[in-house]
Amino acid sequence: MKIVVDSGVDLCIPEEKAADLGIFRVPLSVTFKGKTYREGVDLTRDEFYTMLGSSNDFPVTSQPSPGLIAETYKTVAAEDPDILSIHMSSGLSGTYNAAQLAARLVPQAKVTLFDTKTLSVTSGWQALAAARAIKLGWPKEKILETMKRISDAADTLFTLKELRYLVHGGRISHLKGMVASILNIKPIIGVEKTKGIYSQMGQGRNFPQAIDALANVIARQHAPGTALRAQVVHGQNPEGAVMLQKAVDKIFTCKWLPTCPISLVLGAHTGPSVVGLAYAPASVMSETP
């Protein structure tokens, strides 16, 4: 069995490592000033944020076409027809639906689709666990059960300094965005687990307060001192990433995975200041490959 993911699933590992694990990636696209770029193919993160910082224009993102995903399925099926296709939340992107259509276009492939109901590295944890389980020879049903267990246990939170990208992308209402901008409020945004859509979990009056508020949201879910598996992501804000890790370390005992950049497609909706955290009880994660 091989794995296909979209680029909204942050693996945070080198491409050669992903290839060794049998993971193939389908790029989402960013359109900026009339030109469309495929993430990780036509545009690097440094190039993207340089363009973003030098313009008042907003990027527009789009999911892969069913045809593009189907081409990936065909390539993979030539090596192994059994495919596990893992995608960022269908509540936040049309990629999962496009993958459903793509699977019908490739009858020679046996495609199992999985909606992670989340995004970024929290989705990536599910994909990596599945890839390692395949290497260990686990049956498909056990792999799917493990991914669901990670999905139930893990959460994603993020905050950011500026709201204009979220407002423009329609991820929050324009009215709320305008009020928050006027009051300089920084939201804490999570992904709820039923529909896999954004949910405001708290707020801070400035960015440092938002970082502390984010850590306090976790403290409402898990008792202080709980051992967590955690990973920080950011757009182009390494200082904010360090702030976030320090704030969480004050409350919890964490096994930290390497800090890594967030997908460009996700960064297009949040801007360069975004910092985010994936976290789950270490006791649950220790049972996964």
Protein backbone atom coordinates (compact mmCIF):
# COMPACT_ATOMS: atom_id res chain seq x y z
CA MET A 1 0.00 0.00 0.00
CA LYS A 2 1.17 3.53 -0.84
CA ILE A 3 0.03 6.88 0.55
CA VAL A 4 -1.07 10.03 -1.26
CA VAL A 5 -1.42 13.32 0.61
CA ASP A 6 -2.18 16.87 -0.43
CA SER A 7 0.22 19.69 0.41
CA GLY A 8 -2.07 20.97 3.17
CA VAL A 9 -0.90 17.91 5.12
CA ASP A 10 2.39 19.07 6.66
CA LEU A 11 4.76 16.13 7.06
CA CYS A 12 7.78 18.19 8.17
CA ILE A 13 10.23 15.64 6.81
CA PRO A 14 12.58 15.79 3.79
CA GLU A 15 11.17 14.74 0.44
CA GLU A 16 13.54 11.78 0.26
CA LYS A 17 12.26 10.54 3.63
CA ALA A 18 8.68 10.83 2.40
CA ALA A 19 9.61 8.83 -0.68
CA ASP A 20 11.22 6.15 1.49
CA LEU A 21 7.95 5.91 3.44
CA GLY A 22 5.94 5.52 0.23
CA ILE A 23 4.24 8.92 0.49
CA PHE A 24 3.34 10.86 -2.66
CA ARG A 25 2.23 14.49 -2.48
CA VAL A 26 -0.30 16.34 -4.66
CA PRO A 27 0.30 20.12 -4.63
CA LEU A 28 -2.36 22.69 -3.94
CA SER A 29 -2.03 25.95 -5.84
CA VAL A 30 -1.61 29.63 -5.00
CA THR A 31 -2.56 32.34 -7.48
CA PHE A 32 -0.87 35.69 -6.94
CA LYS A 33 -1.12 38.69 -9.27
CA GLY A 34 -2.68 36.54 -11.95
CA LYS A 35 -0.03 33.82 -11.93
CA THR A 36 -0.66 30.35 -10.49
CA TYR A 37 2.02 28.42 -8.63
CA ARG A 38 1.98 24.83 -7.44
CA GLU A 39 3.17 24.54 -3.87
CA GLY A 40 6.59 22.96 -3.61
CA VAL A 41 6.91 22.79 -7.41
CA ASP A 42 6.90 26.33 -8.80
CA LEU A 43 7.31 28.36 -5.61
CA THR A 44 9.43 28.20 -2.46
CA ARG A 45 8.28 29.55 0.89
CA ASP A 46 10.88 32.34 0.83
CA GLU A 47 9.74 33.45 -2.64
CA PHE A 48 6.11 33.34 -1.53
CA TYR A 49 6.53 35.48 1.59
CA THR A 50 8.79 37.91 -0.26
CA MET A 51 6.02 38.46 -2.81
CA LEU A 52 3.42 38.70 -0.06
CA GLY A 53 5.43 41.30 1.86
CA SER A 54 6.04 43.49 -1.17
CA SER A 55 2.43 43.77 -2.32
CA ASN A 56 -0.99 44.76 -1.04
CA ASP A 57 -2.59 42.09 -3.20
CA PHE A 58 -4.00 38.92 -1.67
CA PRO A 59 -3.21 35.39 -2.81
CA VAL A 60 -5.98 33.01 -3.83
CA THR A 61 -5.65 29.29 -3.20
CA SER A 62 -7.20 26.34 -5.00
CA GLN A 63 -7.35 22.62 -4.47
CA PRO A 64 -5.85 20.22 -7.01
CA SER A 65 -8.13 19.28 -9.88
CA PRO A 66 -9.53 15.75 -9.95
CA GLY A 67 -7.44 15.25 -13.09
CA LEU A 68 -4.19 16.13 -11.32
CA ILE A 69 -4.98 13.83 -8.41
CA ALA A 70 -5.97 11.09 -10.86
CA GLU A 71 -2.60 11.40 -12.59
CA THR A 72 -0.92 10.86 -9.23
CA TYR A 73 -3.11 7.83 -8.57
CA LYS A 74 -2.14 6.39 -11.96
CA THR A 75 1.55 6.87 -11.23
CA VAL A 76 1.25 5.27 -7.82
CA ALA A 77 -1.00 2.44 -9.03
CA ALA A 78 1.64 1.43 -11.55
CA GLU A 79 3.77 0.55 -8.53
CA ASP A 80 1.03 -0.54 -6.11
CA PRO A 81 -2.73 -0.35 -6.85
CA ASP A 82 -3.62 -0.20 -3.15
CA ILE A 83 -3.64 3.52 -2.20
CA LEU A 84 -4.48 5.29 1.05
CA SER A 85 -5.31 8.90 0.16
CA ILE A 86 -5.11 11.20 3.20
CA HIS A 87 -6.33 14.79 3.07
CA MET A 88 -6.76 17.98 5.04
CA SER A 89 -10.24 18.60 6.41
CA SER A 90 -13.09 18.56 3.91
CA GLY A 91 -14.58 21.36 6.02
CA LEU A 92 -11.70 23.65 5.05
CA SER A 93 -10.85 22.55 1.51
CA GLY A 94 -12.47 20.90 -1.48
CA THR A 95 -9.45 18.63 -1.92
CA TYR A 96 -11.12 15.60 -0.33
CA ASN A 97 -14.09 15.92 -2.69
CA ALA A 98 -11.73 16.29 -5.66
CA ALA A 99 -9.97 13.11 -4.54
CA GLN A 100 -13.30 11.27 -4.49
CA LEU A 101 -13.87 12.26 -8.11
CA ALA A 102 -10.30 11.37 -9.02
CA ALA A 103 -10.63 7.87 -7.59
CA ARG A 104 -13.48 7.17 -10.03
CA LEU A 105 -11.21 8.13 -12.92
CA VAL A 106 -8.63 5.49 -12.06
CA PRO A 107 -10.41 2.12 -11.90
CA GLN A 108 -7.10 0.26 -11.82
CA ALA A 109 -6.39 1.77 -8.38
CA LYS A 110 -8.01 0.66 -5.15
CA VAL A 111 -8.23 4.02 -3.35
CA THR A 112 -9.20 4.34 0.30
CA LEU A 113 -9.94 7.97 1.18
CA PHE A 114 -9.37 9.42 4.65
CA ASP A 115 -10.54 12.84 5.83
CA THR A 116 -8.26 13.92 8.70
CA LYS A 117 -10.80 16.56 9.85
CA THR A 118 -7.86 18.87 10.53
CA LEU A 119 -4.82 20.32 8.78
CA SER A 120 -1.07 20.96 8.85
CA VAL A 121 1.06 18.76 11.11
CA THR A 122 -1.93 17.29 12.94
CA SER A 123 -2.91 15.78 9.58
CA GLY A 124 0.75 14.96 9.01
CA TRP A 125 0.91 12.92 12.21
CA GLN A 126 -1.88 10.74 10.87
CA ALA A 127 -0.19 10.26 7.50
CA LEU A 128 3.20 9.45 9.02
CA ALA A 129 1.71 6.96 11.47
CA ALA A 130 -0.07 5.27 8.56
CA ALA A 131 3.13 5.11 6.52
CA ARG A 132 5.09 3.56 9.39
CA ALA A 133 2.29 1.09 10.07
CA ILE A 134 2.35 0.01 6.44
CA LYS A 135 6.10 -0.61 6.74
CA LEU A 136 5.34 -2.77 9.79
CA GLY A 137 2.82 -4.80 7.81
CA TRP A 138 -0.28 -3.69 9.70
CA PRO A 139 -3.65 -4.50 8.09
CA LYS A 140 -5.59 -1.59 6.60
CA GLU A 141 -8.35 -1.63 9.20
CA LYS A 142 -5.86 -1.34 12.05
CA ILE A 143 -4.15 1.54 10.25
CA LEU A 144 -7.45 3.39 9.79
CA GLU A 145 -8.33 2.83 13.45
CA THR A 146 -4.96 4.25 14.48
CA MET A 147 -5.44 7.35 12.33
CA LYS A 148 -8.87 7.88 13.84
CA ARG A 149 -7.39 7.54 17.34
CA ILE A 150 -4.81 10.21 16.53
CA SER A 151 -7.53 12.42 15.07
CA ASP A 152 -9.60 12.11 18.25
CA ALA A 153 -6.64 12.78 20.56
CA ALA A 154 -4.78 15.53 18.73
CA ASP A 155 -5.72 19.19 18.42
CA THR A 156 -4.56 22.19 16.44
CA LEU A 157 -4.50 25.80 17.62
CA PHE A 158 -3.02 28.87 16.00
CA THR A 159 -2.85 32.61 16.38
CA LEU A 160 -1.51 35.49 14.32
CA LYS A 161 -0.76 39.19 14.39
CA GLU A 162 -2.82 40.44 11.44
CA LEU A 163 -6.33 39.41 10.41
CA ARG A 164 -6.56 40.76 6.88
CA TYR A 165 -5.63 37.48 5.22
CA LEU A 166 -8.25 35.52 7.17
CA VAL A 167 -10.87 38.15 6.44
CA HIS A 168 -10.06 38.30 2.73
CA GLY A 169 -10.11 34.52 2.43
CA GLY A 170 -13.55 34.32 4.03
CA ARG A 171 -12.27 32.14 6.88
CA ILE A 172 -13.82 34.54 9.41
CA SER A 173 -16.66 36.96 8.88
CA HIS A 174 -15.73 40.40 7.65
CA LEU A 175 -17.61 42.02 10.54
CA LYS A 176 -15.72 40.07 13.20
CA GLY A 177 -12.48 40.71 11.40
CA MET A 178 -13.11 44.46 11.24
CA VAL A 179 -14.03 44.67 14.91
CA ALA A 180 -11.03 42.59 15.94
CA SER A 181 -8.69 44.75 13.86
CA ILE A 182 -10.01 47.93 15.41
CA LEU A 183 -9.64 46.51 18.92
CA ASN A 184 -6.29 44.89 18.06
CA ILE A 185 -7.65 41.52 19.19
CA LYS A 186 -5.71 38.41 18.18
CA PRO A 187 -7.92 35.31 17.93
CA ILE A 188 -7.03 31.80 19.03
CA ILE A 189 -8.37 29.54 16.30
CA GLY A 190 -8.81 25.78 16.46
CA VAL A 191 -10.31 23.11 14.26
CA GLU A 192 -13.39 21.42 15.68
CA LYS A 193 -13.58 17.68 15.16
CA THR A 194 -17.08 17.04 13.80
CA LYS A 195 -17.16 19.16 10.67
CA GLY A 196 -13.46 19.96 10.63
CA ILE A 197 -14.01 23.72 10.42
CA TYR A 198 -12.37 26.66 12.17
CA SER A 199 -13.59 27.61 15.63
CA GLN A 200 -12.53 30.59 17.73
CA MET A 201 -11.24 29.27 21.05
CA GLY A 202 -10.11 32.49 22.72
CA GLN A 203 -8.31 35.75 22.11
CA GLY A 204 -5.65 38.14 23.31
CA ARG A 205 -5.41 41.92 23.18
CA ASN A 206 -1.95 41.66 21.62
CA PHE A 207 0.26 38.92 20.23
CA PRO A 208 2.11 38.00 23.45
CA GLN A 209 -1.22 37.80 25.29
CA ALA A 210 -2.59 35.61 22.49
CA ILE A 211 0.35 33.23 22.92
CA ASP A 212 -0.41 32.90 26.64
CA ALA A 213 -4.13 32.55 25.91
CA LEU A 214 -3.38 29.72 23.50
CA ALA A 215 -1.45 27.85 26.19
CA ASN A 216 -4.36 28.41 28.59
CA VAL A 217 -6.80 26.89 26.08
CA ILE A 218 -4.74 23.70 26.24
CA ALA A 219 -4.85 23.87 30.05
CA ARG A 220 -8.64 23.75 29.87
CA GLN A 221 -8.38 20.49 27.92
CA HIS A 222 -5.49 18.80 29.74
CA ALA A 223 -4.38 19.11 33.36
CA PRO A 224 -1.24 21.23 33.86
CA GLY A 225 1.80 18.98 33.98
CA THR A 226 0.32 16.48 31.51
CA ALA A 227 2.87 14.89 29.21
CA LEU A 228 2.12 16.02 25.66
CA ARG A 229 3.51 15.34 22.24
CA ALA A 230 3.73 18.75 20.58
CA GLN A 231 4.96 20.45 17.43
CA VAL A 232 5.09 24.13 16.52
CA VAL A 233 4.57 25.44 12.99
CA HIS A 234 4.77 28.99 11.67
CA GLY A 235 4.53 31.05 8.51
CA GLN A 236 7.58 33.27 8.68
CA ASN A 237 7.64 34.00 12.40
CA PRO A 238 10.44 32.05 14.15
CA GLU A 239 10.37 34.44 17.11
CA GLY A 240 6.69 33.76 17.64
CA ALA A 241 7.35 30.03 17.37
CA VAL A 242 9.90 30.26 20.19
CA MET A 243 7.45 32.30 22.29
CA LEU A 244 4.77 29.67 21.83
CA GLN A 245 7.01 26.77 22.77
CA LYS A 246 8.18 28.56 25.92
CA ALA A 247 4.59 29.39 26.94
CA VAL A 248 3.51 25.76 26.59
CA ASP A 249 6.62 24.51 28.41
CA LYS A 250 5.61 26.57 31.45
CA ILE A 251 2.48 24.46 31.87
CA PHE A 252 3.14 21.03 30.36
CA THR A 253 5.83 18.40 30.04
CA CYS A 254 6.32 18.15 26.29
CA LYS A 255 8.03 15.84 23.89
CA TRP A 256 8.77 18.34 21.15
CA LEU A 257 8.98 17.44 17.50
CA PRO A 258 11.01 19.80 15.30
CA THR A 259 9.48 23.21 14.58
CA CYS A 260 8.62 23.47 10.90
CA PRO A 261 7.05 25.81 8.33
CA ILE A 262 3.35 25.67 7.67
CA SER A 263 2.08 24.84 4.19
CA LEU A 264 2.17 27.83 1.84
CA VAL A 265 -1.49 27.29 0.99
CA LEU A 266 -2.36 27.54 4.68
CA GLY A 267 -0.02 30.50 5.11
CA ALA A 268 -1.82 32.28 2.26
CA HIS A 269 -4.94 32.39 4.45
CA THR A 270 -3.15 33.53 7.60
CA GLY A 271 -0.14 35.61 6.55
CA PRO A 272 3.49 35.34 7.64
CA SER A 273 2.90 36.00 11.35
CA VAL A 274 0.91 32.82 12.02
CA VAL A 275 2.14 30.39 14.66
CA GLY A 276 0.41 27.13 15.41
CA LEU A 277 0.61 24.12 17.67
CA ALA A 278 -0.29 20.47 17.21
CA TYR A 279 -0.59 18.58 20.48
CA ALA A 280 -1.90 15.34 21.96
CA PRO A 281 -1.45 13.32 25.15
CA ALA A 282 1.88 11.50 24.97
CA SER A 283 0.17 8.41 26.41
CA VAL A 284 -1.99 8.11 23.28
CA MET A 285 0.77 8.90 20.83
CA SER A 286 3.11 6.35 22.37
CA GLU A 287 0.76 3.63 21.14
CA THR A 288 1.15 4.73 17.50
CA PRO A 289 4.01 3.76 15.18
